[in-house]
């Protein structure tokens, strides 16, 4: 019998939750029979890198492309993390095991997904980053609990990404390795700032491998 699980998908800057709901169609394996999906939409905020235009955005971004030298906006990110944690807490309260909760995201949503699992006080099923980055300074390592360090990370990044540079993804991997966090990093040589069906297939397999059977 399929265990109860929860997948939270966080979209990129300027996108919406409903526009990403088709993603669940890639997960047809029987293990996902009892999976609940959530595709929230970010609040509308002015975005500096888009000349102050108001759009769905989890936090403000100062410049594009994102590189290893890009300035961080930790105050905004932490506020967004609190909102994600509230979504996770609600799911845990409904009876889903934290170890069967997966927080995934693309681009800005990937950065928020990573931040949210690193700062959550419990071990989750996994954090998944597509073309994202670590939106914190390295000192954030001091705030990661021993339980959070047990949450595995899947990171997929296109080597031809011109919006979130591949070097930003590599820097995130190095940070996770230094923190002692398990991260499976997948590089896609010809891929720009997008997600391919191949990546979704890898994600399906990865989540299946990390689902925890019920103890009952």
Protein backbone atom coordinates (compact mmCIF):
# COMPACT_ATOMS: atom_id res chain seq x y z
CA UNK A 1 0.00 0.00 0.00
CA UNK A 2 1.29 3.46 -0.90
CA UNK A 3 2.27 5.57 2.10
CA UNK A 4 0.81 9.03 2.63
CA UNK A 5 3.18 11.69 1.35
CA UNK A 6 3.16 15.38 0.55
CA UNK A 7 4.93 17.28 -2.22
CA UNK A 8 5.11 21.06 -1.98
CA UNK A 9 6.10 22.77 -5.24
CA UNK A 10 7.39 26.35 -5.19
CA UNK A 11 7.36 28.14 -8.54
CA UNK A 12 9.85 30.65 -9.92
CA UNK A 13 9.67 34.45 -10.02
CA UNK A 14 6.71 35.77 -12.00
CA UNK A 15 5.01 32.37 -12.26
CA UNK A 16 2.04 30.91 -10.39
CA UNK A 17 1.06 27.74 -8.58
CA UNK A 18 -1.76 26.71 -10.93
CA UNK A 19 0.55 27.05 -13.94
CA UNK A 20 2.68 24.27 -12.48
CA UNK A 21 -0.01 21.78 -11.51
CA UNK A 22 0.66 19.70 -14.63
CA UNK A 23 3.89 18.56 -12.96
CA UNK A 24 2.00 15.93 -10.99
CA UNK A 25 1.24 14.07 -14.25
CA UNK A 26 4.89 12.96 -14.34
CA UNK A 27 4.33 10.96 -11.14
CA UNK A 28 2.22 8.00 -12.20
CA UNK A 29 3.95 5.28 -10.17
CA UNK A 30 1.73 3.48 -7.61
CA UNK A 31 3.89 4.89 -4.81
CA UNK A 32 2.25 8.27 -5.45
CA UNK A 33 -1.32 7.03 -5.09
CA UNK A 34 -1.61 8.64 -1.65
CA UNK A 35 0.47 11.72 -2.39
CA UNK A 36 -1.03 15.12 -1.75
CA UNK A 37 0.28 17.98 -3.85
CA UNK A 38 0.35 21.69 -3.13
CA UNK A 39 1.16 24.42 -5.64
CA UNK A 40 0.93 27.74 -3.79
CA UNK A 41 1.34 31.07 -5.54
CA UNK A 42 3.81 33.60 -4.18
CA UNK A 43 2.50 36.96 -2.95
CA UNK A 44 2.67 39.87 -5.39
CA UNK A 45 5.69 42.05 -4.63
CA UNK A 46 7.85 44.58 -6.48
CA UNK A 47 11.00 42.91 -7.80
CA UNK A 48 14.18 44.97 -8.06
CA UNK A 49 15.78 42.97 -10.89
CA UNK A 50 12.59 43.49 -12.92
CA UNK A 51 12.69 47.29 -12.50
CA UNK A 52 10.28 47.23 -9.59
CA UNK A 53 7.47 45.55 -11.50
CA UNK A 54 4.98 43.88 -9.16
CA UNK A 55 4.69 40.13 -9.75
CA UNK A 56 4.42 36.85 -7.84
CA UNK A 57 7.73 36.63 -5.99
CA UNK A 58 8.68 34.80 -2.80
CA UNK A 59 11.33 37.42 -1.99
CA UNK A 60 13.04 40.35 -3.69
CA UNK A 61 15.87 39.60 -6.11
CA UNK A 62 18.39 42.35 -6.74
CA UNK A 63 20.02 41.18 -9.94
CA UNK A 64 19.89 38.67 -12.78
CA UNK A 65 21.81 36.55 -13.54
CA UNK A 66 22.39 35.07 -10.11
CA UNK A 67 26.07 34.34 -9.59
CA UNK A 68 28.30 33.46 -6.66
CA UNK A 69 28.83 37.20 -6.15
CA UNK A 70 25.15 38.19 -6.11
CA UNK A 71 23.95 40.08 -3.02
CA UNK A 72 21.64 38.21 -0.66
CA UNK A 73 18.32 39.34 0.79
CA UNK A 74 18.20 37.23 3.90
CA UNK A 75 15.45 39.17 5.70
CA UNK A 76 13.00 38.61 2.84
CA UNK A 77 14.03 34.98 2.46
CA UNK A 78 13.55 34.25 6.16
CA UNK A 79 10.04 35.71 6.01
CA UNK A 80 9.24 33.44 3.05
CA UNK A 81 10.73 30.46 4.90
CA UNK A 82 8.36 31.08 7.81
CA UNK A 83 5.43 30.83 5.42
CA UNK A 84 6.71 27.56 3.96
CA UNK A 85 7.27 26.15 7.44
CA UNK A 86 3.64 26.96 8.26
CA UNK A 87 2.56 24.91 5.22
CA UNK A 88 4.74 22.01 6.35
CA UNK A 89 3.50 22.23 9.94
CA UNK A 90 -0.10 22.10 8.72
CA UNK A 91 0.62 18.92 6.77
CA UNK A 92 2.39 17.31 9.73
CA UNK A 93 -0.57 18.21 11.95
CA UNK A 94 -2.86 16.41 9.50
CA UNK A 95 -0.92 13.19 10.08
CA UNK A 96 1.73 13.05 7.36
CA UNK A 97 5.15 11.94 8.58
CA UNK A 98 7.77 14.70 8.16
CA UNK A 99 10.00 12.09 6.50
CA UNK A 100 7.44 11.76 3.70
CA UNK A 101 7.29 15.49 3.00
CA UNK A 102 9.23 16.81 0.02
CA UNK A 103 9.78 20.50 -0.66
CA UNK A 104 10.63 21.19 -4.30
CA UNK A 105 11.13 24.32 -6.34
CA UNK A 106 12.40 25.88 -9.55
CA UNK A 107 14.69 28.92 -9.71
CA UNK A 108 13.60 31.33 -6.96
CA UNK A 109 11.31 28.57 -5.72
CA UNK A 110 14.30 26.23 -5.61
CA UNK A 111 16.23 28.72 -3.51
CA UNK A 112 13.29 28.94 -1.12
CA UNK A 113 12.82 25.15 -1.04
CA UNK A 114 16.48 24.72 -0.10
CA UNK A 115 16.31 27.39 2.58
CA UNK A 116 13.11 25.95 4.02
CA UNK A 117 14.42 22.42 4.49
CA UNK A 118 17.76 23.62 5.87
CA UNK A 119 16.03 25.71 8.53
CA UNK A 120 13.21 23.30 9.39
CA UNK A 121 13.68 21.78 12.87
CA UNK A 122 12.85 18.22 11.79
CA UNK A 123 14.20 15.77 9.22
CA UNK A 124 12.08 15.88 6.06
CA UNK A 125 11.82 13.43 3.19
CA UNK A 126 13.87 15.69 0.97
CA UNK A 127 14.53 19.07 -0.54
CA UNK A 128 14.64 19.42 -4.32
CA UNK A 129 16.30 22.29 -6.19
CA UNK A 130 15.93 22.90 -9.92
CA UNK A 131 18.16 25.69 -11.22
CA UNK A 132 18.29 27.35 -7.81
CA UNK A 133 20.87 28.81 -5.47
CA UNK A 134 21.65 29.28 -1.78
CA UNK A 135 20.20 32.73 -0.94
CA UNK A 136 22.21 33.12 2.26
CA UNK A 137 25.74 33.85 3.36
CA UNK A 138 27.74 30.85 4.53
CA UNK A 139 27.12 31.78 8.18
CA UNK A 140 23.66 30.23 7.83
CA UNK A 141 25.38 26.90 8.49
CA UNK A 142 25.29 27.75 12.20
CA UNK A 143 21.47 27.75 12.13
CA UNK A 144 21.05 24.30 10.58
CA UNK A 145 19.97 21.75 13.18
CA UNK A 146 21.36 18.20 13.37
CA UNK A 147 17.90 16.95 12.33
CA UNK A 148 17.82 19.20 9.26
CA UNK A 149 21.26 17.98 8.21
CA UNK A 150 19.72 14.52 7.77
CA UNK A 151 17.33 15.79 5.07
CA UNK A 152 18.69 14.70 1.65
CA UNK A 153 18.86 17.16 -1.24
CA UNK A 154 18.44 16.59 -4.97
CA UNK A 155 19.87 19.42 -7.08
CA UNK A 156 19.48 19.62 -10.87
CA UNK A 157 21.09 22.45 -12.82
CA UNK A 158 21.63 23.25 -16.48
CA UNK A 159 25.22 24.07 -17.36
CA UNK A 160 23.99 26.61 -19.93
CA UNK A 161 21.74 28.44 -17.45
CA UNK A 162 22.05 32.20 -18.05
CA UNK A 163 19.67 33.30 -15.28
CA UNK A 164 20.98 31.31 -12.32
CA UNK A 165 24.52 30.55 -13.37
CA UNK A 166 25.81 27.01 -13.05
CA UNK A 167 28.55 28.30 -10.76
CA UNK A 168 25.85 29.32 -8.27
CA UNK A 169 24.57 25.76 -8.26
CA UNK A 170 28.08 24.40 -7.74
CA UNK A 171 28.60 26.80 -4.84
CA UNK A 172 25.41 25.50 -3.25
CA UNK A 173 26.66 21.94 -3.59
CA UNK A 174 29.97 22.86 -1.94
CA UNK A 175 28.12 24.50 0.94
CA UNK A 176 25.97 21.42 1.51
CA UNK A 177 29.01 19.15 1.42
CA UNK A 178 30.77 21.34 3.99
CA UNK A 179 27.68 21.17 6.19
CA UNK A 180 27.68 17.37 5.99
CA UNK A 181 24.39 17.24 4.10
CA UNK A 182 23.77 14.54 1.49
CA UNK A 183 23.23 16.10 -1.93
CA UNK A 184 22.80 14.35 -5.26
CA UNK A 185 23.84 16.94 -7.85
CA UNK A 186 22.86 16.43 -11.48
CA UNK A 187 24.43 18.62 -14.17
CA UNK A 188 22.76 18.91 -17.59
CA UNK A 189 25.31 20.11 -20.20
CA UNK A 190 23.04 21.71 -22.82
CA UNK A 191 20.22 22.85 -20.55
CA UNK A 192 19.40 26.50 -19.93
CA UNK A 193 17.03 27.91 -17.31
CA UNK A 194 14.29 25.30 -17.61
CA UNK A 195 13.24 21.80 -16.56
CA UNK A 196 13.11 18.78 -18.85
CA UNK A 197 10.94 15.64 -18.68
CA UNK A 198 14.16 13.73 -17.96
CA UNK A 199 14.60 15.75 -14.77
CA UNK A 200 11.05 14.98 -13.66
CA UNK A 201 11.68 11.28 -14.28
CA UNK A 202 14.77 11.49 -12.09
CA UNK A 203 12.76 13.29 -9.44
CA UNK A 204 10.07 10.61 -9.47
CA UNK A 205 12.68 7.88 -8.93
CA UNK A 206 14.45 9.91 -6.26
CA UNK A 207 11.31 10.52 -4.22
CA UNK A 208 10.30 6.86 -4.54
CA UNK A 209 13.70 5.88 -3.13
CA UNK A 210 13.28 8.23 -0.18
CA UNK A 211 9.71 7.47 0.84
CA UNK A 212 9.52 5.93 4.31
CA UNK A 213 7.12 3.06 4.93
CA UNK A 214 4.54 3.50 7.65
CA UNK A 215 5.53 2.05 11.02
CA UNK A 216 2.00 0.77 11.60
